[in-house]
PDB file of N, CA and C in Angstrom:
ATOM      1  N   MET A   1       0.855  -1.159   0.000  1.00  0.00           N
ATOM      2  CA  MET A   1       0.000   0.000   0.000  1.00  0.00           C
ATOM      3  C   MET A   1       0.910   1.233   0.000  1.00  0.00           C
ATOM      4  N   ILE A   2       0.642   2.162  -0.887  1.00  0.00           N
ATOM      5  CA  ILE A   2       1.429   3.384  -0.994  1.00  0.00           C
ATOM      6  C   ILE A   2       0.667   4.515  -0.300  1.00  0.00           C
ATOM      7  N   GLY A   3       1.386   5.281   0.528  1.00  0.00           N
ATOM      8  CA  GLY A   3       0.745   6.384   1.229  1.00  0.00           C
ATOM      9  C   GLY A   3       1.766   7.272   1.893  1.00  0.00           C
ATOM     10  N   ILE A   4       1.280   8.180   2.716  1.00  0.00           N
ATOM     11  CA  ILE A   4       2.130   9.126   3.432  1.00  0.00           C
ATOM     12  C   ILE A   4       2.860   8.382   4.539  1.00  0.00           C
ATOM     13  N   LEU A   5       4.163   8.631   4.667  1.00  0.00           N
ATOM     14  CA  LEU A   5       4.973   7.962   5.676  1.00  0.00           C
ATOM     15  C   LEU A   5       5.058   8.798   6.954  1.00  0.00           C
ATOM     16  N   LEU A   6       4.993   8.109   8.080  1.00  0.00           N
ATOM     17  CA  LEU A   6       5.115   8.736   9.391  1.00  0.00           C
ATOM     18  C   LEU A   6       6.378   8.237  10.072  1.00  0.00           C
ATOM     19  N   ASP A   7       6.949   9.069  10.936  1.00  0.00           N
ATOM     20  CA  ASP A   7       8.099   8.668  11.727  1.00  0.00           C
ATOM     21  C   ASP A   7       7.658   7.580  12.707  1.00  0.00           C
ATOM     22  N   ALA A   8       8.412   6.502  12.803  1.00  0.00           N
ATOM     23  CA  ALA A   8       8.024   5.362  13.638  1.00  0.00           C
ATOM     24  C   ALA A   8       8.019   5.706  15.126  1.00  0.00           C
ATOM     25  N   ASP A   9       8.873   6.642  15.563  1.00  0.00           N
ATOM     26  CA  ASP A   9       8.959   6.969  16.987  1.00  0.00           C
ATOM     27  C   ASP A   9       7.962   8.035  17.422  1.00  0.00           C
ATOM     28  N   THR A  10       7.764   9.045  16.577  1.00  0.00           N
ATOM     29  CA  THR A  10       6.949  10.190  16.986  1.00  0.00           C
ATOM     30  C   THR A  10       5.602  10.268  16.275  1.00  0.00           C
ATOM     31  N   ALA A  11       5.400   9.503  15.217  1.00  0.00           N
ATOM     32  CA  ALA A  11       4.192   9.533  14.385  1.00  0.00           C
ATOM     33  C   ALA A  11       4.006  10.872  13.686  1.00  0.00           C
ATOM     34  N   ASP A  12       5.098  11.655  13.567  1.00  0.00           N
ATOM     35  CA  ASP A  12       5.064  12.898  12.805  1.00  0.00           C
ATOM     36  C   ASP A  12       5.270  12.595  11.324  1.00  0.00           C
ATOM     37  N   LEU A  13       4.809  13.498  10.473  1.00  0.00           N
ATOM     38  CA  LEU A  13       5.048  13.352   9.040  1.00  0.00           C
ATOM     39  C   LEU A  13       6.549  13.372   8.770  1.00  0.00           C
ATOM     40  N   ILE A  14       6.995  12.556   7.840  1.00  0.00           N
ATOM     41  CA  ILE A  14       8.392  12.596   7.422  1.00  0.00           C
ATOM     42  C   ILE A  14       8.481  13.598   6.281  1.00  0.00           C
ATOM     43  N   ILE A  15       9.231  14.679   6.521  1.00  0.00           N
ATOM     44  CA  ILE A  15       9.396  15.741   5.541  1.00  0.00           C
ATOM     45  C   ILE A  15      10.847  15.728   5.078  1.00  0.00           C
ATOM     46  N   SER A  16      11.045  15.719   3.776  1.00  0.00           N
ATOM     47  CA  SER A  16      12.384  15.762   3.206  1.00  0.00           C
ATOM     48  C   SER A  16      12.374  16.726   2.026  1.00  0.00           C
ATOM     49  N   GLU A  17      13.289  17.671   2.062  1.00  0.00           N
ATOM     50  CA  GLU A  17      13.397  18.681   1.014  1.00  0.00           C
ATOM     51  C   GLU A  17      12.076  19.423   0.813  1.00  0.00           C
ATOM     52  N   GLY A  18      11.370  19.689   1.905  1.00  0.00           N
ATOM     53  CA  GLY A  18      10.143  20.455   1.853  1.00  0.00           C
ATOM     54  C   GLY A  18       8.905  19.694   1.410  1.00  0.00           C
ATOM     55  N   SER A  19       8.995  18.381   1.258  1.00  0.00           N
ATOM     56  CA  SER A  19       7.850  17.589   0.807  1.00  0.00           C
ATOM     57  C   SER A  19       7.605  16.403   1.726  1.00  0.00           C
ATOM     58  N   MET A  20       6.338  16.006   1.818  1.00  0.00           N
ATOM     59  CA  MET A  20       6.008  14.790   2.556  1.00  0.00           C
ATOM     60  C   MET A  20       6.570  13.605   1.800  1.00  0.00           C
ATOM     61  N   GLN A  21       6.992  12.596   2.534  1.00  0.00           N
ATOM     62  CA  GLN A  21       7.515  11.393   1.905  1.00  0.00           C
ATOM     63  C   GLN A  21       6.382  10.404   1.660  1.00  0.00           C
ATOM     64  N   ILE A  22       6.381   9.828   0.484  1.00  0.00           N
ATOM     65  CA  ILE A  22       5.397   8.848   0.073  1.00  0.00           C
ATOM     66  C   ILE A  22       6.124   7.524  -0.130  1.00  0.00           C
ATOM     67  N   GLY A  23       5.513   6.429   0.306  1.00  0.00           N
ATOM     68  CA  GLY A  23       6.131   5.117   0.122  1.00  0.00           C
ATOM     69  C   GLY A  23       5.227   4.015   0.628  1.00  0.00           C
ATOM     70  N   ASP A  24       5.799   2.832   0.767  1.00  0.00           N
ATOM     71  CA  ASP A  24       5.036   1.675   1.252  1.00  0.00           C
ATOM     72  C   ASP A  24       4.746   1.851   2.737  1.00  0.00           C
ATOM     73  N   ASN A  25       3.487   1.983   3.085  1.00  0.00           N
ATOM     74  CA  ASN A  25       3.113   2.203   4.482  1.00  0.00           C
ATOM     75  C   ASN A  25       2.251   1.072   5.050  1.00  0.00           C
ATOM     76  N   THR A  26       2.397  -0.124   4.495  1.00  0.00           N
ATOM     77  CA  THR A  26       1.582  -1.252   4.946  1.00  0.00           C
ATOM     78  C   THR A  26       1.835  -1.570   6.421  1.00  0.00           C
ATOM     79  N   ALA A  27       3.100  -1.710   6.800  1.00  0.00           N
ATOM     80  CA  ALA A  27       3.431  -2.016   8.195  1.00  0.00           C
ATOM     81  C   ALA A  27       2.997  -0.886   9.114  1.00  0.00           C
ATOM     82  N   GLN A  28       3.123   0.333   8.650  1.00  0.00           N
ATOM     83  CA  GLN A  28       2.702   1.497   9.424  1.00  0.00           C
ATOM     84  C   GLN A  28       1.203   1.458   9.697  1.00  0.00           C
ATOM     85  N   CYS A  29       0.412   1.120   8.703  1.00  0.00           N
ATOM     86  CA  CYS A  29      -1.043   1.031   8.866  1.00  0.00           C
ATOM     87  C   CYS A  29      -1.433  -0.061   9.853  1.00  0.00           C
ATOM     88  N   VAL A  30      -0.784  -1.218   9.750  1.00  0.00           N
ATOM     89  CA  VAL A  30      -1.062  -2.318  10.679  1.00  0.00           C
ATOM     90  C   VAL A  30      -0.705  -1.887  12.102  1.00  0.00           C
ATOM     91  N   GLY A  31       0.425  -1.230  12.272  1.00  0.00           N
ATOM     92  CA  GLY A  31       0.830  -0.751  13.592  1.00  0.00           C
ATOM     93  C   GLY A  31      -0.158   0.237  14.181  1.00  0.00           C
ATOM     94  N   LEU A  32      -0.664   1.132  13.352  1.00  0.00           N
ATOM     95  CA  LEU A  32      -1.647   2.107  13.833  1.00  0.00           C
ATOM     96  C   LEU A  32      -2.950   1.430  14.240  1.00  0.00           C
ATOM     97  N   ILE A  33      -3.365   0.431  13.491  1.00  0.00           N
ATOM     98  CA  ILE A  33      -4.586  -0.301  13.839  1.00  0.00           C
ATOM     99  C   ILE A  33      -4.399  -1.017  15.177  1.00  0.00           C
ATOM    100  N   LEU A  34      -3.229  -1.629  15.382  1.00  0.00           N
ATOM    101  CA  LEU A  34      -2.975  -2.341  16.627  1.00  0.00           C
ATOM    102  C   LEU A  34      -2.909  -1.393  17.824  1.00  0.00           C
ATOM    103  N   ASP A  35      -2.331  -0.208  17.642  1.00  0.00           N
ATOM    104  CA  ASP A  35      -2.131   0.727  18.757  1.00  0.00           C
ATOM    105  C   ASP A  35      -3.367   1.504  19.161  1.00  0.00           C
ATOM    106  N   THR A  36      -4.304   1.706  18.243  1.00  0.00           N
ATOM    107  CA  THR A  36      -5.448   2.558  18.557  1.00  0.00           C
ATOM    108  C   THR A  36      -6.609   1.753  19.135  1.00  0.00           C
ATOM    109  N   VAL A  37      -7.522   2.481  19.741  1.00  0.00           N
ATOM    110  CA  VAL A  37      -8.723   1.860  20.303  1.00  0.00           C
ATOM    111  C   VAL A  37      -9.926   2.298  19.478  1.00  0.00           C
ATOM    112  N   PRO A  38     -11.001   1.521  19.483  1.00  0.00           N
ATOM    113  CA  PRO A  38     -12.190   1.937  18.744  1.00  0.00           C
ATOM    114  C   PRO A  38     -12.648   3.331  19.178  1.00  0.00           C
ATOM    115  N   GLY A  39     -12.951   4.152  18.191  1.00  0.00           N
ATOM    116  CA  GLY A  39     -13.376   5.518  18.463  1.00  0.00           C
ATOM    117  C   GLY A  39     -12.310   6.560  18.168  1.00  0.00           C
ATOM    118  N   GLU A  40     -11.054   6.159  18.032  1.00  0.00           N
ATOM    119  CA  GLU A  40      -9.989   7.117  17.742  1.00  0.00           C
ATOM    120  C   GLU A  40      -9.993   7.576  16.291  1.00  0.00           C
ATOM    121  N   TRP A  41     -10.501   6.761  15.388  1.00  0.00           N
ATOM    122  CA  TRP A  41     -10.556   7.119  13.972  1.00  0.00           C
ATOM    123  C   TRP A  41     -11.947   7.658  13.672  1.00  0.00           C
ATOM    124  N   ARG A  42     -12.035   8.938  13.468  1.00  0.00           N
ATOM    125  CA  ARG A  42     -13.326   9.571  13.218  1.00  0.00           C
ATOM    126  C   ARG A  42     -14.006   9.004  11.977  1.00  0.00           C
ATOM    127  N   GLU A  43     -13.214   8.703  10.945  1.00  0.00           N
ATOM    128  CA  GLU A  43     -13.774   8.195   9.693  1.00  0.00           C
ATOM    129  C   GLU A  43     -14.239   6.752   9.808  1.00  0.00           C
ATOM    130  N   ALA A  44     -13.652   6.009  10.735  1.00  0.00           N
ATOM    131  CA  ALA A  44     -13.990   4.589  10.920  1.00  0.00           C
ATOM    132  C   ALA A  44     -13.996   4.287  12.420  1.00  0.00           C
ATOM    133  N   PRO A  45     -15.058   4.640  13.115  1.00  0.00           N
ATOM    134  CA  PRO A  45     -15.066   4.544  14.577  1.00  0.00           C
ATOM    135  C   PRO A  45     -14.964   3.132  15.153  1.00  0.00           C
ATOM    136  N   LEU A  46     -15.176   2.105  14.354  1.00  0.00           N
ATOM    137  CA  LEU A  46     -15.075   0.736  14.864  1.00  0.00           C
ATOM    138  C   LEU A  46     -13.671   0.155  14.707  1.00  0.00           C
ATOM    139  N   VAL A  47     -12.768   0.869  14.006  1.00  0.00           N
ATOM    140  CA  VAL A  47     -11.412   0.377  13.782  1.00  0.00           C
ATOM    141  C   VAL A  47     -10.536   0.760  14.964  1.00  0.00           C
ATOM    142  N   GLY A  48      -9.780  -0.198  15.457  1.00  0.00           N
ATOM    143  CA  GLY A  48      -8.856  -0.008  16.573  1.00  0.00           C
ATOM    144  C   GLY A  48      -8.790  -1.293  17.379  1.00  0.00           C
ATOM    145  N   ALA A  49      -7.636  -1.940  17.381  1.00  0.00           N
ATOM    146  CA  ALA A  49      -7.530  -3.261  18.003  1.00  0.00           C
ATOM    147  C   ALA A  49      -7.180  -3.208  19.487  1.00  0.00           C
ATOM    148  N   ASN A  50      -6.699  -2.061  19.974  1.00  0.00           N
ATOM    149  CA  ASN A  50      -6.370  -1.905  21.398  1.00  0.00           C
ATOM    150  C   ASN A  50      -5.471  -3.033  21.894  1.00  0.00           C
ATOM    151  N   VAL A  51      -4.327  -3.199  21.252  1.00  0.00           N
ATOM    152  CA  VAL A  51      -3.407  -4.281  21.594  1.00  0.00           C
ATOM    153  C   VAL A  51      -2.900  -4.163  23.032  1.00  0.00           C
ATOM    154  N   ARG A  52      -2.907  -2.976  23.588  1.00  0.00           N
ATOM    155  CA  ARG A  52      -2.431  -2.795  24.968  1.00  0.00           C
ATOM    156  C   ARG A  52      -3.332  -3.500  25.982  1.00  0.00           C
ATOM    157  N   SER A  53      -4.565  -3.786  25.585  1.00  0.00           N
ATOM    158  CA  SER A  53      -5.466  -4.495  26.497  1.00  0.00           C
ATOM    159  C   SER A  53      -4.992  -5.923  26.753  1.00  0.00           C
ATOM    160  N   LEU A  54      -4.133  -6.441  25.892  1.00  0.00           N
ATOM    161  CA  LEU A  54      -3.608  -7.803  26.073  1.00  0.00           C
ATOM    162  C   LEU A  54      -2.564  -7.876  27.178  1.00  0.00           C
ATOM    163  N   LEU A  55      -1.995  -6.738  27.567  1.00  0.00           N
ATOM    164  CA  LEU A  55      -0.932  -6.736  28.561  1.00  0.00           C
ATOM    165  C   LEU A  55      -1.396  -7.237  29.923  1.00  0.00           C
ATOM    166  N   GLY A  56      -2.659  -7.061  30.243  1.00  0.00           N
ATOM    167  CA  GLY A  56      -3.167  -7.499  31.523  1.00  0.00           C
ATOM    168  C   GLY A  56      -3.367  -8.997  31.632  1.00  0.00           C
ATOM    169  N   GLY A  57      -3.228  -9.701  30.514  1.00  0.00           N
ATOM    170  CA  GLY A  57      -3.378 -11.145  30.529  1.00  0.00           C
ATOM    171  C   GLY A  57      -4.790 -11.623  30.244  1.00  0.00           C
ATOM    172  N   ASN A  58      -5.732 -10.710  30.164  1.00  0.00           N
ATOM    173  CA  ASN A  58      -7.111 -11.082  29.861  1.00  0.00           C
ATOM    174  C   ASN A  58      -7.340 -10.967  28.360  1.00  0.00           C
ATOM    175  N   THR A  59      -7.081 -12.036  27.650  1.00  0.00           N
ATOM    176  CA  THR A  59      -7.236 -11.981  26.198  1.00  0.00           C
ATOM    177  C   THR A  59      -8.644 -12.398  25.802  1.00  0.00           C
ATOM    178  N   ASP A  60      -9.232 -11.592  24.957  1.00  0.00           N
ATOM    179  CA  ASP A  60     -10.538 -11.883  24.391  1.00  0.00           C
ATOM    180  C   ASP A  60     -10.342 -12.956  23.319  1.00  0.00           C
ATOM    181  N   LYS A  61     -11.088 -14.011  23.368  1.00  0.00           N
ATOM    182  CA  LYS A  61     -10.931 -15.107  22.407  1.00  0.00           C
ATOM    183  C   LYS A  61     -11.224 -14.671  20.981  1.00  0.00           C
ATOM    184  N   MET A  62     -11.989 -13.614  20.812  1.00  0.00           N
ATOM    185  CA  MET A  62     -12.346 -13.123  19.483  1.00  0.00           C
ATOM    186  C   MET A  62     -11.430 -11.998  19.011  1.00  0.00           C
ATOM    187  N   TRP A  63     -10.449 -11.583  19.830  1.00  0.00           N
ATOM    188  CA  TRP A  63      -9.597 -10.443  19.492  1.00  0.00           C
ATOM    189  C   TRP A  63      -8.864 -10.654  18.171  1.00  0.00           C
ATOM    190  N   ALA A  64      -8.266 -11.810  17.979  1.00  0.00           N
ATOM    191  CA  ALA A  64      -7.486 -12.061  16.765  1.00  0.00           C
ATOM    192  C   ALA A  64      -8.364 -11.983  15.518  1.00  0.00           C
ATOM    193  N   GLN A  65      -9.533 -12.583  15.564  1.00  0.00           N
ATOM    194  CA  GLN A  65     -10.434 -12.563  14.406  1.00  0.00           C
ATOM    195  C   GLN A  65     -10.936 -11.158  14.121  1.00  0.00           C
ATOM    196  N   GLN A  66     -11.275 -10.407  15.148  1.00  0.00           N
ATOM    197  CA  GLN A  66     -11.753  -9.037  14.957  1.00  0.00           C
ATOM    198  C   GLN A  66     -10.640  -8.147  14.403  1.00  0.00           C
ATOM    199  N   THR A  67      -9.424  -8.336  14.900  1.00  0.00           N
ATOM    200  CA  THR A  67      -8.286  -7.546  14.428  1.00  0.00           C
ATOM    201  C   THR A  67      -7.970  -7.881  12.979  1.00  0.00           C
ATOM    202  N   LYS A  68      -8.037  -9.142  12.629  1.00  0.00           N
ATOM    203  CA  LYS A  68      -7.813  -9.569  11.246  1.00  0.00           C
ATOM    204  C   LYS A  68      -8.833  -8.889  10.323  1.00  0.00           C
ATOM    205  N   ARG A  69     -10.062  -8.824  10.747  1.00  0.00           N
ATOM    206  CA  ARG A  69     -11.110  -8.181   9.955  1.00  0.00           C
ATOM    207  C   ARG A  69     -10.831  -6.680   9.800  1.00  0.00           C
ATOM    208  N   MET A  70     -10.356  -6.030  10.872  1.00  0.00           N
ATOM    209  CA  MET A  70     -10.040  -4.604  10.812  1.00  0.00           C
ATOM    210  C   MET A  70      -8.912  -4.334   9.824  1.00  0.00           C
ATOM    211  N   ILE A  71      -7.867  -5.166   9.870  1.00  0.00           N
ATOM    212  CA  ILE A  71      -6.726  -4.983   8.973  1.00  0.00           C
ATOM    213  C   ILE A  71      -7.158  -5.205   7.529  1.00  0.00           C
ATOM    214  N   ARG A  72      -7.954  -6.219   7.293  1.00  0.00           N
ATOM    215  CA  ARG A  72      -8.440  -6.476   5.925  1.00  0.00           C
ATOM    216  C   ARG A  72      -9.353  -5.365   5.432  1.00  0.00           C
ATOM    217  N   SER A  73     -10.080  -4.699   6.334  1.00  0.00           N
ATOM    218  CA  SER A  73     -10.952  -3.593   5.912  1.00  0.00           C
ATOM    219  C   SER A  73     -10.148  -2.403   5.405  1.00  0.00           C
ATOM    220  N   CYS A  74      -8.872  -2.380   5.715  1.00  0.00           N
ATOM    221  CA  CYS A  74      -7.980  -1.323   5.225  1.00  0.00           C
ATOM    222  C   CYS A  74      -7.231  -1.770   3.972  1.00  0.00           C
ATOM    223  N   SER A  75      -7.737  -2.791   3.306  1.00  0.00           N
ATOM    224  CA  SER A  75      -7.170  -3.336   2.060  1.00  0.00           C
ATOM    225  C   SER A  75      -5.775  -3.911   2.231  1.00  0.00           C
ATOM    226  N   ILE A  76      -5.499  -4.455   3.406  1.00  0.00           N
ATOM    227  CA  ILE A  76      -4.228  -5.125   3.669  1.00  0.00           C
ATOM    228  C   ILE A  76      -4.531  -6.602   3.862  1.00  0.00           C
ATOM    229  N   GLU A  77      -3.943  -7.426   3.028  1.00  0.00           N
ATOM    230  CA  GLU A  77      -4.224  -8.861   3.063  1.00  0.00           C
ATOM    231  C   GLU A  77      -3.267  -9.549   4.034  1.00  0.00           C
ATOM    232  N   ILE A  78      -3.808 -10.226   5.036  1.00  0.00           N
ATOM    233  CA  ILE A  78      -3.008 -11.026   5.960  1.00  0.00           C
ATOM    234  C   ILE A  78      -3.595 -12.429   6.007  1.00  0.00           C
ATOM    235  N   ASN A  79      -2.741 -13.390   6.323  1.00  0.00           N
ATOM    236  CA  ASN A  79      -3.196 -14.774   6.395  1.00  0.00           C
ATOM    237  C   ASN A  79      -3.667 -15.159   7.780  1.00  0.00           C
ATOM    238  N   ASP A  80      -2.888 -14.765   8.791  1.00  0.00           N
ATOM    239  CA  ASP A  80      -3.198 -15.223  10.141  1.00  0.00           C
ATOM    240  C   ASP A  80      -2.693 -14.215  11.157  1.00  0.00           C
ATOM    241  N   ILE A  81      -3.383 -14.120  12.262  1.00  0.00           N
ATOM    242  CA  ILE A  81      -2.943 -13.320  13.394  1.00  0.00           C
ATOM    243  C   ILE A  81      -3.222 -14.132  14.644  1.00  0.00           C
ATOM    244  N   LYS A  82      -2.239 -14.211  15.528  1.00  0.00           N
ATOM    245  CA  LYS A  82      -2.467 -14.976  16.751  1.00  0.00           C
ATOM    246  C   LYS A  82      -1.732 -14.355  17.925  1.00  0.00           C
ATOM    247  N   VAL A  83      -2.292 -14.588  19.097  1.00  0.00           N
ATOM    248  CA  VAL A  83      -1.700 -14.133  20.342  1.00  0.00           C
ATOM    249  C   VAL A  83      -0.999 -15.327  20.954  1.00  0.00           C
ATOM    250  N   ASN A  84       0.307 -15.203  21.155  1.00  0.00           N
ATOM    251  CA  ASN A  84       1.103 -16.287  21.729  1.00  0.00           C
ATOM    252  C   ASN A  84       0.936 -16.340  23.243  1.00  0.00           C
ATOM    253  N   ASP A  85       1.437 -17.410  23.860  1.00  0.00           N
ATOM    254  CA  ASP A  85       1.306 -17.589  25.308  1.00  0.00           C
ATOM    255  C   ASP A  85       1.951 -16.463  26.106  1.00  0.00           C
ATOM    256  N   ASP A  86       2.993 -15.844  25.546  1.00  0.00           N
ATOM    257  CA  ASP A  86       3.670 -14.755  26.248  1.00  0.00           C
ATOM    258  C   ASP A  86       3.091 -13.380  25.884  1.00  0.00           C
ATOM    259  N   ASN A  87       1.866 -13.373  25.333  1.00  0.00           N
ATOM    260  CA  ASN A  87       1.131 -12.178  24.936  1.00  0.00           C
ATOM    261  C   ASN A  87       1.802 -11.367  23.840  1.00  0.00           C
ATOM    262  N   THR A  88       2.626 -12.000  23.018  1.00  0.00           N
ATOM    263  CA  THR A  88       3.125 -11.349  21.822  1.00  0.00           C
ATOM    264  C   THR A  88       2.163 -11.651  20.680  1.00  0.00           C
ATOM    265  N   VAL A  89       2.071 -10.729  19.737  1.00  0.00           N
ATOM    266  CA  VAL A  89       1.174 -10.880  18.598  1.00  0.00           C
ATOM    267  C   VAL A  89       2.000 -11.225  17.375  1.00  0.00           C
ATOM    268  N   THR A  90       1.600 -12.267  16.642  1.00  0.00           N
ATOM    269  CA  THR A  90       2.265 -12.686  15.423  1.00  0.00           C
ATOM    270  C   THR A  90       1.301 -12.512  14.259  1.00  0.00           C
ATOM    271  N   ILE A  91       1.758 -11.798  13.220  1.00  0.00           N
ATOM    272  CA  ILE A  91       0.935 -11.578  12.031  1.00  0.00           C
ATOM    273  C   ILE A  91       1.667 -12.144  10.837  1.00  0.00           C
ATOM    274  N   ASP A  92       0.993 -12.999  10.078  1.00  0.00           N
ATOM    275  CA  ASP A  92       1.561 -13.579   8.849  1.00  0.00           C
ATOM    276  C   ASP A  92       0.916 -12.925   7.655  1.00  0.00           C
TER     277      ASP A  92
END
């Protein structure tokens, strides 16, 4: 997916020579979906996987399927997403 690139640390626009940088932002989009909670995206209020909720150890059994659906709704094709025993998320 081609789009506007953001700085990975600050989420600021990457500006070079007075212009926004355009490039492959697929991983960036997936990261934003994982980090946000539902309601943060005004244009799509149901998008937001709230990955930080997994830190408490209470994993929703439907979280992986719902997150997969959210990522696919952004035209990003993924095969599988799973939460490992150590609460890390793996996306194929």
